[in-house]
């Protein structure tokens, strides 16, 4: 009897070791095998360019902000492509009637004022002629797609000067211009929020590429649909990353459904959760999480918000819990602490922990800012949650708590400066790395004490950051939106190992497997490796 028990123990340990090693040799999901941005067995080059250490570079179809996931010899990406098919009646929006109306406005009779708001028209913002693209081109100096406090102030100052110059000529026109410039009146048509509801059909696909050559293996179309709402101009309809266990590939296209594919691209099942309504039509982006045979899907929106646990084998809902949250874009993280497997989710009202097997709320902790995008990272003791929209906050929360942990000893430490809006943090070697807002300004803290190790260090050459940092073999990679990639030494002191530049715009987080670094750009997918 004892021999059999001992034999079973050794078999179990062997299988656990093999499975852990297999996962570590892949990048199966958003933020990597441990969901913390670290590639345990990775070692890509520190130096590269368009002409150096590029194993392959391929054109990508459509658009998408999702991270590539890698399993063995395959790289999987999601894409949303316009098909060219218009919705019934959508042509009316660009009909002759509209063109005629525009023509009539341009052909005003002489003597009739055509100078109303003319200064605003020339400057591309204010009044009825609010032009967001022109405004962003002029004032978005760091190129991150948003206006920070300094950039907003520069816009206001210039507008005030314009208003003062034109005050005597047309007070009412300039008052309307002032309201448009300050409040962002273009939000109803894109503005600082999302874009218009599309009138064209999109094709939503999962694509497999050969890891060594970049050659396309296969392409599977999940669905075609006309999305029910727009998205932020830097966002898209393929922003959630897929997840795989080597048996199936789980894909969320949000309001277009949750899909389970086999490893050859065949759809095994689909689950529809209805249409999500996001804040300001910013769009959807939370990735599914997979733990053994349970898929966890976050559905935080402006209508009723939920978190779901779904059976991977058949798509049936295991449990569903209502969440008192508005739109969020973080991805759930699963961890096991003292025998209890729990799901951790960021939120503007609270960070929450749910028991995986039944959805019971274990604990919650308030303090985050609004619009939480960064995903939580965990180690053996703590969960590290942060947010950086209209404020800054990071909290190290002990995993063994119960109930409401806000302001209790279960919060190991907090900080309130320099936290990210979009990029998620990197957790490596008892240090947590994060960026300020969407900018190339780096801070690093000791995870045990919360002590600041690197504070507000500006990364020269980087202009805007959406991608989350990654680490491998003692190197930290930080990818800028402008194609600049800084490689730092993974240590408590700031040390730049290399500064690289690629001819691409990057909003997607990188992935690392072995000696390869995968970078998804706006138009191309790169595989970086030592030649």
Foldseek 3Di string as FASTA:
>chain_A
DVVVVVVVVVVVVVVVVVLLVQQLQWQFFPLGSQNFQENAQAAADQADEPPAQFLDKDWDAAFEQAEWTTHDFKTKAKHKHFPPDFAVPPCVVVDPVVVVVVVVLVDDDPPPDPCQCVVCCVQQAFAPRNHQVSLCVPQQVLPALDHDPVSLVVQLVVLVVVCVVCCVPDVVSSVRRNCCSNPQVCLVACGSWWHAQDRTKIWIKMWMAGNRRRHTDDIATPDIDRAGGTAHPPHDQHAAYWGDSQQWIWGDSDQSWIFIAGPNHHTPDTDHDHHAAADSRNYAHAYWDDDPQWIWDWRAAQPWTKIFIAGNVYRHTQDIDTDPAHDEHYYWDWDAAPRFIWIWFDGQAWIWIAGRNRRHTFEIEHDAHHHQAAYWRDDHFWIWGWAADPWTKIWTAGPPHGYYCYPHVRTVDMDTDFAEHAAYWHQDDQKIWHGRHFFQFIWIARNRRRHTLHGRHHDPPARGANAYWHDYDQWIWGAHQQQWIWIFGNDSDTGTPDIYGYRFGANHYWDTRYNWIWGDGRTMITTGRHD
